[in-house]
Amino acid sequence: MPTDTEEGIFDLEISVYPQNKAHNFFRIEFNPSKMGSNGGQEILNILDCVLGRKPVAKLYTDGRVTRLDLTVNI
């Protein structure tokens, strides 16, 4: 989903449904260098609309990061 901030537009991908229903699954994919200073708040606003405020708060308090992919431009 293209997401617009004052600095420009960045792509945001949200995956909610697991392949295996026995596992919890939630994924957010974006490029932080393209989202600008307001991008983080824009992501929270979208998550509030998609999931609701309580589930988003639960993500921050009870969620676990199980994978983090980093890329460095040299």
PDB file of N, CA and C in Angstrom:
ATOM      1  N   MET A   1       0.847  -1.154   0.000  1.00  0.00           N
ATOM      2  CA  MET A   1       0.000   0.000   0.000  1.00  0.00           C
ATOM      3  C   MET A   1       0.902   1.230   0.000  1.00  0.00           C
ATOM      4  N   PRO A   2       0.834   2.076  -1.022  1.00  0.00           N
ATOM      5  CA  PRO A   2       1.626   3.308  -1.013  1.00  0.00           C
ATOM      6  C   PRO A   2       1.134   4.227   0.102  1.00  0.00           C
ATOM      7  N   THR A   3       2.049   4.755   0.878  1.00  0.00           N
ATOM      8  CA  THR A   3       1.719   5.593   2.016  1.00  0.00           C
ATOM      9  C   THR A   3       2.390   6.944   1.834  1.00  0.00           C
ATOM     10  N   ASP A   4       1.614   8.018   1.935  1.00  0.00           N
ATOM     11  CA  ASP A   4       2.104   9.361   1.649  1.00  0.00           C
ATOM     12  C   ASP A   4       2.444  10.100   2.939  1.00  0.00           C
ATOM     13  N   THR A   5       3.646  10.688   3.004  1.00  0.00           N
ATOM     14  CA  THR A   5       4.037  11.571   4.090  1.00  0.00           C
ATOM     15  C   THR A   5       4.493  12.879   3.465  1.00  0.00           C
ATOM     16  N   GLU A   6       4.820  13.867   4.289  1.00  0.00           N
ATOM     17  CA  GLU A   6       5.285  15.145   3.763  1.00  0.00           C
ATOM     18  C   GLU A   6       6.574  14.978   2.968  1.00  0.00           C
ATOM     19  N   GLU A   7       7.386  13.979   3.333  1.00  0.00           N
ATOM     20  CA  GLU A   7       8.658  13.752   2.656  1.00  0.00           C
ATOM     21  C   GLU A   7       8.497  12.978   1.350  1.00  0.00           C
ATOM     22  N   GLY A   8       7.355  12.364   1.141  1.00  0.00           N
ATOM     23  CA  GLY A   8       7.147  11.593  -0.082  1.00  0.00           C
ATOM     24  C   GLY A   8       6.289  10.374   0.172  1.00  0.00           C
ATOM     25  N   ILE A   9       6.375   9.426  -0.734  1.00  0.00           N
ATOM     26  CA  ILE A   9       5.567   8.209  -0.671  1.00  0.00           C
ATOM     27  C   ILE A   9       6.480   7.020  -0.401  1.00  0.00           C
ATOM     28  N   PHE A  10       6.043   6.117   0.491  1.00  0.00           N
ATOM     29  CA  PHE A  10       6.787   4.873   0.715  1.00  0.00           C
ATOM     30  C   PHE A  10       5.811   3.712   0.701  1.00  0.00           C
ATOM     31  N   ASP A  11       6.306   2.524   0.363  1.00  0.00           N
ATOM     32  CA  ASP A  11       5.476   1.321   0.316  1.00  0.00           C
ATOM     33  C   ASP A  11       5.425   0.676   1.694  1.00  0.00           C
ATOM     34  N   LEU A  12       4.232   0.232   2.054  1.00  0.00           N
ATOM     35  CA  LEU A  12       4.013  -0.441   3.333  1.00  0.00           C
ATOM     36  C   LEU A  12       3.257  -1.729   3.051  1.00  0.00           C
ATOM     37  N   GLU A  13       3.810  -2.852   3.490  1.00  0.00           N
ATOM     38  CA  GLU A  13       3.144  -4.143   3.319  1.00  0.00           C
ATOM     39  C   GLU A  13       2.821  -4.707   4.695  1.00  0.00           C
ATOM     40  N   ILE A  14       1.561  -5.066   4.905  1.00  0.00           N
ATOM     41  CA  ILE A  14       1.115  -5.661   6.161  1.00  0.00           C
ATOM     42  C   ILE A  14       0.553  -7.042   5.859  1.00  0.00           C
ATOM     43  N   SER A  15       1.102  -8.071   6.510  1.00  0.00           N
ATOM     44  CA  SER A  15       0.605  -9.439   6.378  1.00  0.00           C
ATOM     45  C   SER A  15       0.092  -9.878   7.742  1.00  0.00           C
ATOM     46  N   VAL A  16      -1.133 -10.388   7.786  1.00  0.00           N
ATOM     47  CA  VAL A  16      -1.741 -10.735   9.063  1.00  0.00           C
ATOM     48  C   VAL A  16      -2.012 -12.226   9.196  1.00  0.00           C
ATOM     49  N   TYR A  17      -2.386 -12.885   8.147  1.00  0.00           N
ATOM     50  CA  TYR A  17      -2.832 -14.278   8.252  1.00  0.00           C
ATOM     51  C   TYR A  17      -1.674 -15.253   8.104  1.00  0.00           C
ATOM     52  N   PRO A  18      -1.569 -16.229   9.023  1.00  0.00           N
ATOM     53  CA  PRO A  18      -0.473 -17.201   8.974  1.00  0.00           C
ATOM     54  C   PRO A  18      -0.739 -18.319   7.965  1.00  0.00           C
ATOM     55  N   GLN A  19       0.315 -18.940   7.529  1.00  0.00           N
ATOM     56  CA  GLN A  19       0.200 -20.160   6.737  1.00  0.00           C
ATOM     57  C   GLN A  19      -0.255 -21.303   7.638  1.00  0.00           C
ATOM     58  N   ASN A  20       0.260 -21.326   8.859  1.00  0.00           N
ATOM     59  CA  ASN A  20      -0.091 -22.334   9.857  1.00  0.00           C
ATOM     60  C   ASN A  20      -0.898 -21.636  10.953  1.00  0.00           C
ATOM     61  N   LYS A  21      -2.183 -21.937  11.077  1.00  0.00           N
ATOM     62  CA  LYS A  21      -3.070 -21.249  12.017  1.00  0.00           C
ATOM     63  C   LYS A  21      -2.682 -21.481  13.485  1.00  0.00           C
ATOM     64  N   ALA A  22      -1.811 -22.470  13.756  1.00  0.00           N
ATOM     65  CA  ALA A  22      -1.376 -22.722  15.125  1.00  0.00           C
ATOM     66  C   ALA A  22      -0.370 -21.666  15.595  1.00  0.00           C
ATOM     67  N   HIS A  23       0.209 -20.902  14.666  1.00  0.00           N
ATOM     68  CA  HIS A  23       1.195 -19.883  14.998  1.00  0.00           C
ATOM     69  C   HIS A  23       0.595 -18.495  14.842  1.00  0.00           C
ATOM     70  N   ASN A  24       0.983 -17.590  15.720  1.00  0.00           N
ATOM     71  CA  ASN A  24       0.621 -16.189  15.539  1.00  0.00           C
ATOM     72  C   ASN A  24       1.471 -15.627  14.410  1.00  0.00           C
ATOM     73  N   PHE A  25       0.911 -14.736  13.629  1.00  0.00           N
ATOM     74  CA  PHE A  25       1.657 -14.211  12.496  1.00  0.00           C
ATOM     75  C   PHE A  25       1.227 -12.782  12.216  1.00  0.00           C
ATOM     76  N   PHE A  26       2.198 -11.895  12.192  1.00  0.00           N
ATOM     77  CA  PHE A  26       1.958 -10.517  11.809  1.00  0.00           C
ATOM     78  C   PHE A  26       3.264  -9.971  11.260  1.00  0.00           C
ATOM     79  N   ARG A  27       3.223  -9.379  10.090  1.00  0.00           N
ATOM     80  CA  ARG A  27       4.445  -8.878   9.471  1.00  0.00           C
ATOM     81  C   ARG A  27       4.188  -7.489   8.910  1.00  0.00           C
ATOM     82  N   ILE A  28       5.147  -6.595   9.134  1.00  0.00           N
ATOM     83  CA  ILE A  28       5.129  -5.256   8.553  1.00  0.00           C
ATOM     84  C   ILE A  28       6.426  -5.109   7.774  1.00  0.00           C
ATOM     85  N   GLU A  29       6.319  -4.710   6.522  1.00  0.00           N
ATOM     86  CA  GLU A  29       7.507  -4.528   5.696  1.00  0.00           C
ATOM     87  C   GLU A  29       7.493  -3.125   5.107  1.00  0.00           C
ATOM     88  N   PHE A  30       8.598  -2.406   5.290  1.00  0.00           N
ATOM     89  CA  PHE A  30       8.739  -1.059   4.749  1.00  0.00           C
ATOM     90  C   PHE A  30      10.221  -0.687   4.719  1.00  0.00           C
ATOM     91  N   ASN A  31      10.546   0.357   3.991  1.00  0.00           N
ATOM     92  CA  ASN A  31      11.904   0.866   3.913  1.00  0.00           C
ATOM     93  C   ASN A  31      11.981   2.121   4.778  1.00  0.00           C
ATOM     94  N   PRO A  32      12.639   2.071   5.944  1.00  0.00           N
ATOM     95  CA  PRO A  32      12.650   3.223   6.846  1.00  0.00           C
ATOM     96  C   PRO A  32      13.331   4.452   6.256  1.00  0.00           C
ATOM     97  N   SER A  33      14.262   4.277   5.333  1.00  0.00           N
ATOM     98  CA  SER A  33      14.927   5.443   4.750  1.00  0.00           C
ATOM     99  C   SER A  33      13.998   6.228   3.830  1.00  0.00           C
ATOM    100  N   LYS A  34      12.889   5.628   3.398  1.00  0.00           N
ATOM    101  CA  LYS A  34      11.946   6.313   2.525  1.00  0.00           C
ATOM    102  C   LYS A  34      10.723   6.859   3.257  1.00  0.00           C
ATOM    103  N   MET A  35      10.532   6.497   4.531  1.00  0.00           N
ATOM    104  CA  MET A  35       9.288   6.870   5.194  1.00  0.00           C
ATOM    105  C   MET A  35       9.301   8.267   5.803  1.00  0.00           C
ATOM    106  N   GLY A  36      10.448   8.893   5.964  1.00  0.00           N
ATOM    107  CA  GLY A  36      10.507  10.254   6.476  1.00  0.00           C
ATOM    108  C   GLY A  36      10.193  10.340   7.962  1.00  0.00           C
ATOM    109  N   SER A  37      10.164  11.546   8.480  1.00  0.00           N
ATOM    110  CA  SER A  37       9.994  11.752   9.920  1.00  0.00           C
ATOM    111  C   SER A  37       8.571  11.453  10.398  1.00  0.00           C
ATOM    112  N   ASN A  38       7.573  11.569   9.535  1.00  0.00           N
ATOM    113  CA  ASN A  38       6.183  11.295   9.925  1.00  0.00           C
ATOM    114  C   ASN A  38       5.741   9.878   9.581  1.00  0.00           C
ATOM    115  N   GLY A  39       6.595   9.099   8.970  1.00  0.00           N
ATOM    116  CA  GLY A  39       6.217   7.760   8.529  1.00  0.00           C
ATOM    117  C   GLY A  39       5.848   6.818   9.653  1.00  0.00           C
ATOM    118  N   GLY A  40       6.553   6.894  10.783  1.00  0.00           N
ATOM    119  CA  GLY A  40       6.241   6.030  11.914  1.00  0.00           C
ATOM    120  C   GLY A  40       4.841   6.278  12.445  1.00  0.00           C
ATOM    121  N   GLN A  41       4.467   7.532  12.558  1.00  0.00           N
ATOM    122  CA  GLN A  41       3.119   7.858  13.013  1.00  0.00           C
ATOM    123  C   GLN A  41       2.085   7.416  11.984  1.00  0.00           C
ATOM    124  N   GLU A  42       2.410   7.548  10.717  1.00  0.00           N
ATOM    125  CA  GLU A  42       1.487   7.117   9.659  1.00  0.00           C
ATOM    126  C   GLU A  42       1.270   5.606   9.720  1.00  0.00           C
ATOM    127  N   ILE A  43       2.324   4.842   9.994  1.00  0.00           N
ATOM    128  CA  ILE A  43       2.193   3.390  10.141  1.00  0.00           C
ATOM    129  C   ILE A  43       1.277   3.065  11.322  1.00  0.00           C
ATOM    130  N   LEU A  44       1.466   3.747  12.454  1.00  0.00           N
ATOM    131  CA  LEU A  44       0.594   3.517  13.614  1.00  0.00           C
ATOM    132  C   LEU A  44      -0.858   3.839  13.293  1.00  0.00           C
ATOM    133  N   ASN A  45      -1.099   4.918  12.557  1.00  0.00           N
ATOM    134  CA  ASN A  45      -2.471   5.274  12.175  1.00  0.00           C
ATOM    135  C   ASN A  45      -3.109   4.191  11.307  1.00  0.00           C
ATOM    136  N   ILE A  46      -2.333   3.658  10.362  1.00  0.00           N
ATOM    137  CA  ILE A  46      -2.849   2.595   9.485  1.00  0.00           C
ATOM    138  C   ILE A  46      -3.134   1.335  10.294  1.00  0.00           C
ATOM    139  N   LEU A  47      -2.217   0.966  11.204  1.00  0.00           N
ATOM    140  CA  LEU A  47      -2.423  -0.225  12.032  1.00  0.00           C
ATOM    141  C   LEU A  47      -3.651  -0.065  12.924  1.00  0.00           C
ATOM    142  N   ASP A  48      -3.865   1.138  13.461  1.00  0.00           N
ATOM    143  CA  ASP A  48      -5.073   1.387  14.257  1.00  0.00           C
ATOM    144  C   ASP A  48      -6.327   1.150  13.427  1.00  0.00           C
ATOM    145  N   CYS A  49      -6.314   1.577  12.169  1.00  0.00           N
ATOM    146  CA  CYS A  49      -7.481   1.387  11.288  1.00  0.00           C
ATOM    147  C   CYS A  49      -7.681  -0.079  10.928  1.00  0.00           C
ATOM    148  N   VAL A  50      -6.578  -0.792  10.674  1.00  0.00           N
ATOM    149  CA  VAL A  50      -6.665  -2.184  10.227  1.00  0.00           C
ATOM    150  C   VAL A  50      -6.984  -3.126  11.386  1.00  0.00           C
ATOM    151  N   LEU A  51      -6.289  -2.959  12.512  1.00  0.00           N
ATOM    152  CA  LEU A  51      -6.398  -3.909  13.626  1.00  0.00           C
ATOM    153  C   LEU A  51      -7.231  -3.397  14.788  1.00  0.00           C
ATOM    154  N   GLY A  52      -7.270  -2.100  14.983  1.00  0.00           N
ATOM    155  CA  GLY A  52      -7.903  -1.515  16.157  1.00  0.00           C
ATOM    156  C   GLY A  52      -6.857  -1.116  17.170  1.00  0.00           C
ATOM    157  N   ARG A  53      -7.211  -0.188  18.052  1.00  0.00           N
ATOM    158  CA  ARG A  53      -6.242   0.384  18.999  1.00  0.00           C
ATOM    159  C   ARG A  53      -5.729  -0.641  20.019  1.00  0.00           C
ATOM    160  N   LYS A  54      -6.622  -1.474  20.573  1.00  0.00           N
ATOM    161  CA  LYS A  54      -6.195  -2.437  21.600  1.00  0.00           C
ATOM    162  C   LYS A  54      -5.225  -3.474  21.052  1.00  0.00           C
ATOM    163  N   PRO A  55      -5.501  -4.099  19.886  1.00  0.00           N
ATOM    164  CA  PRO A  55      -4.526  -5.053  19.353  1.00  0.00           C
ATOM    165  C   PRO A  55      -3.170  -4.414  19.029  1.00  0.00           C
ATOM    166  N   VAL A  56      -3.176  -3.165  18.564  1.00  0.00           N
ATOM    167  CA  VAL A  56      -1.906  -2.486  18.263  1.00  0.00           C
ATOM    168  C   VAL A  56      -1.135  -2.247  19.558  1.00  0.00           C
ATOM    169  N   ALA A  57      -1.818  -1.826  20.612  1.00  0.00           N
ATOM    170  CA  ALA A  57      -1.152  -1.645  21.906  1.00  0.00           C
ATOM    171  C   ALA A  57      -0.591  -2.971  22.404  1.00  0.00           C
ATOM    172  N   LYS A  58      -1.329  -4.061  22.198  1.00  0.00           N
ATOM    173  CA  LYS A  58      -0.861  -5.397  22.607  1.00  0.00           C
ATOM    174  C   LYS A  58       0.369  -5.821  21.813  1.00  0.00           C
ATOM    175  N   LEU A  59       0.441  -5.442  20.546  1.00  0.00           N
ATOM    176  CA  LEU A  59       1.637  -5.728  19.745  1.00  0.00           C
ATOM    177  C   LEU A  59       2.877  -5.128  20.400  1.00  0.00           C
ATOM    178  N   TYR A  60       2.754  -3.902  20.901  1.00  0.00           N
ATOM    179  CA  TYR A  60       3.900  -3.224  21.499  1.00  0.00           C
ATOM    180  C   TYR A  60       4.250  -3.776  22.878  1.00  0.00           C
ATOM    181  N   THR A  61       3.260  -4.231  23.633  1.00  0.00           N
ATOM    182  CA  THR A  61       3.550  -4.714  24.977  1.00  0.00           C
ATOM    183  C   THR A  61       3.867  -6.208  25.020  1.00  0.00           C
ATOM    184  N   ASP A  62       3.230  -7.016  24.158  1.00  0.00           N
ATOM    185  CA  ASP A  62       3.388  -8.467  24.219  1.00  0.00           C
ATOM    186  C   ASP A  62       4.032  -9.077  22.968  1.00  0.00           C
ATOM    187  N   GLY A  63       4.212  -8.281  21.930  1.00  0.00           N
ATOM    188  CA  GLY A  63       4.760  -8.816  20.676  1.00  0.00           C
ATOM    189  C   GLY A  63       6.230  -9.172  20.794  1.00  0.00           C
ATOM    190  N   ARG A  64       6.655 -10.157  20.007  1.00  0.00           N
ATOM    191  CA  ARG A  64       8.058 -10.559  19.951  1.00  0.00           C
ATOM    192  C   ARG A  64       8.557 -10.367  18.532  1.00  0.00           C
ATOM    193  N   VAL A  65       9.745  -9.821  18.408  1.00  0.00           N
ATOM    194  CA  VAL A  65      10.381  -9.729  17.100  1.00  0.00           C
ATOM    195  C   VAL A  65      11.114 -11.046  16.886  1.00  0.00           C
ATOM    196  N   THR A  66      10.718 -11.789  15.874  1.00  0.00           N
ATOM    197  CA  THR A  66      11.339 -13.086  15.602  1.00  0.00           C
ATOM    198  C   THR A  66      12.238 -13.044  14.369  1.00  0.00           C
ATOM    199  N   ARG A  67      12.174 -11.931  13.632  1.00  0.00           N
ATOM    200  CA  ARG A  67      13.026 -11.814  12.459  1.00  0.00           C
ATOM    201  C   ARG A  67      13.209 -10.342  12.145  1.00  0.00           C
ATOM    202  N   LEU A  68      14.416  -9.969  11.819  1.00  0.00           N
ATOM    203  CA  LEU A  68      14.717  -8.593  11.419  1.00  0.00           C
ATOM    204  C   LEU A  68      15.730  -8.674  10.291  1.00  0.00           C
ATOM    205  N   ASP A  69      15.367  -8.159   9.135  1.00  0.00           N
ATOM    206  CA  ASP A  69      16.262  -8.159   7.976  1.00  0.00           C
ATOM    207  C   ASP A  69      16.833  -6.761   7.804  1.00  0.00           C
ATOM    208  N   LEU A  70      18.128  -6.669   7.674  1.00  0.00           N
ATOM    209  CA  LEU A  70      18.796  -5.386   7.490  1.00  0.00           C
ATOM    210  C   LEU A  70      19.587  -5.402   6.189  1.00  0.00           C
ATOM    211  N   THR A  71      19.636  -4.265   5.535  1.00  0.00           N
ATOM    212  CA  THR A  71      20.439  -4.103   4.328  1.00  0.00           C
ATOM    213  C   THR A  71      21.264  -2.837   4.471  1.00  0.00           C
ATOM    214  N   VAL A  72      22.521  -2.911   4.103  1.00  0.00           N
ATOM    215  CA  VAL A  72      23.403  -1.756   4.181  1.00  0.00           C
ATOM    216  C   VAL A  72      23.917  -1.452   2.781  1.00  0.00           C
ATOM    217  N   ASN A  73      23.757  -0.202   2.369  1.00  0.00           N
ATOM    218  CA  ASN A  73      24.305   0.229   1.085  1.00  0.00           C
ATOM    219  C   ASN A  73      25.760   0.675   1.289  1.00  0.00           C
ATOM    220  N   ILE A  74      26.650   0.086   0.514  1.00  0.00           N
ATOM    221  CA  ILE A  74      28.088   0.407   0.645  1.00  0.00           C
ATOM    222  C   ILE A  74      28.541   1.168  -0.585  1.00  0.00           C
TER     223      ILE A  74
END
